[in-house]
C-alpha cells in the first residue's frame, strides 16, 4: 500500500471532523438563538460533500488494508460522530503505517 492512500484518508478525516464540529456550532446558533440560517445551510452542504469524499477515501484505505467489514463500517461511521474521527484516525494510522511500502525495498529475513 502506498503512503498517499493513508495521507488522503488522514486529511479527509481531519477536515470532516472539523467541519462536523463547525456544523454543530452552526446548529446551536440556528436552533438555539434563531440566527445564522444561511451560514448553517452553506456549512451543511460543504460538510456533506466533504463527508462523501471522506467515505470514498476511507473505503479505499480499508479495501487496500483488507479490513473486515465491521472495522470498515466503524471507520466510515466515525465521520458522523463529532470528535470520533480524530480518535479513530490515530488508531488507523498506528495500524496501517507498518503496511506502507512506498516502493522502498523491505529487508528480507533469512
Protein backbone atom coordinates (compact mmCIF):
# COMPACT_ATOMS: atom_id res chain seq x y z
CA UNK A 1 0.00 0.00 0.00
CA UNK A 2 1.26 3.49 -0.76
CA UNK A 3 1.57 6.30 1.74
CA UNK A 4 -0.66 8.54 -0.41
CA UNK A 5 -3.68 6.35 0.39
CA UNK A 6 -3.14 6.89 4.11
CA UNK A 7 -2.39 10.61 3.66
CA UNK A 8 -5.62 11.19 1.72
CA UNK A 9 -7.59 9.42 4.44
CA UNK A 10 -5.88 11.38 7.23
CA UNK A 11 -6.51 14.76 5.58
CA UNK A 12 -10.16 14.00 4.95
CA UNK A 13 -10.65 12.58 8.45
CA UNK A 14 -9.41 15.84 9.97
CA UNK A 15 -11.29 18.06 7.52
CA UNK A 16 -14.51 16.13 8.02
CA UNK A 17 -14.18 16.18 11.82
CA UNK A 18 -13.52 19.92 11.90
CA UNK A 19 -16.40 20.63 9.52
CA UNK A 20 -18.73 18.49 11.65
CA UNK A 21 -17.80 20.47 14.75
CA UNK A 22 -18.37 23.74 12.87
CA UNK A 23 -21.72 22.39 11.69
CA UNK A 24 -22.67 21.53 15.28
CA UNK A 25 -21.86 25.09 16.38
CA UNK A 26 -23.92 26.45 13.48
CA UNK A 27 -26.84 24.26 14.52
CA UNK A 28 -26.67 25.64 18.05
CA UNK A 29 -26.88 29.16 16.67
CA UNK A 30 -29.65 28.25 14.22
CA UNK A 31 -31.91 26.40 16.64
CA UNK A 32 -30.77 27.84 19.96
CA UNK A 33 -30.53 31.53 19.04
CA UNK A 34 -32.61 31.57 15.85
CA UNK A 35 -29.77 33.12 13.81
CA UNK A 36 -27.41 32.07 11.04
CA UNK A 37 -29.73 30.05 8.81
CA UNK A 38 -27.87 30.86 5.60
CA UNK A 39 -24.48 30.07 7.17
CA UNK A 40 -25.80 26.77 8.50
CA UNK A 41 -27.11 25.86 5.07
CA UNK A 42 -23.77 26.58 3.40
CA UNK A 43 -21.78 24.73 6.07
CA UNK A 44 -24.10 21.71 5.92
CA UNK A 45 -23.78 21.49 2.13
CA UNK A 46 -19.99 21.77 2.29
CA UNK A 47 -19.81 19.18 5.06
CA UNK A 48 -21.98 16.81 3.02
CA UNK A 49 -19.68 16.98 0.01
CA UNK A 50 -16.56 16.60 2.17
CA UNK A 51 -18.11 13.65 4.02
CA UNK A 52 -18.75 11.85 0.73
CA UNK A 53 -15.08 12.35 -0.20
CA UNK A 54 -14.12 11.05 3.25
CA UNK A 55 -16.23 7.93 2.69
CA UNK A 56 -14.54 7.24 -0.64
CA UNK A 57 -11.02 7.65 0.80
CA UNK A 58 -11.80 5.62 3.93
CA UNK A 59 -13.30 2.83 1.84
CA UNK A 60 -10.23 2.89 -0.43
CA UNK A 61 -7.91 2.62 2.57
CA UNK A 62 -9.99 -0.14 4.15
CA UNK A 63 -10.09 -2.21 0.99
CA UNK A 64 -6.33 -1.92 0.48
CA UNK A 65 -5.66 -2.73 4.15
CA UNK A 66 -8.08 -5.68 3.88
CA UNK A 67 -10.15 -4.70 6.90
CA UNK A 68 -13.11 -6.85 7.94
CA UNK A 69 -16.49 -5.29 7.20
CA UNK A 70 -17.16 -4.40 10.86
CA UNK A 71 -13.98 -2.37 11.16
CA UNK A 72 -14.61 -0.66 7.83
CA UNK A 73 -18.13 0.30 8.91
CA UNK A 74 -16.81 1.71 12.20
CA UNK A 75 -14.28 3.89 10.36
CA UNK A 76 -16.96 5.07 7.93
CA UNK A 77 -19.46 5.83 10.71
CA UNK A 78 -16.86 7.65 12.83
CA UNK A 79 -17.15 10.58 10.43
CA UNK A 80 -20.70 11.16 11.68
CA UNK A 81 -19.83 11.40 15.39
CA UNK A 82 -18.30 14.73 16.50
CA UNK A 83 -14.63 14.28 17.51
CA UNK A 84 -14.70 10.49 16.92
CA UNK A 85 -12.81 10.83 13.63
CA UNK A 86 -9.82 12.31 15.48
CA UNK A 87 -9.50 9.25 17.71
CA UNK A 88 -10.25 6.70 15.01
CA UNK A 89 -7.74 8.38 12.67
CA UNK A 90 -4.94 7.99 15.23
CA UNK A 91 -5.76 4.32 15.71
CA UNK A 92 -5.94 3.70 11.97
CA UNK A 93 -2.56 5.38 11.38
CA UNK A 94 -0.86 3.23 14.02
CA UNK A 95 -2.30 0.11 12.44
CA UNK A 96 -1.74 0.96 8.77
CA UNK A 97 1.72 2.57 8.84
CA UNK A 98 3.55 -0.79 9.06
CA UNK A 99 1.74 -1.87 5.86
CA UNK A 100 3.07 1.06 3.80
CA UNK A 101 5.67 0.21 1.19
CA UNK A 102 6.16 3.41 -0.86
CA UNK A 103 8.27 1.39 -3.25
CA UNK A 104 11.15 1.12 -0.77
CA UNK A 105 12.83 -2.23 -0.51
CA UNK A 106 11.92 -4.11 2.63
CA UNK A 107 14.63 -6.06 4.41
CA UNK A 108 14.39 -9.78 3.81
CA UNK A 109 14.59 -12.11 6.81
CA UNK A 110 16.73 -15.15 6.23
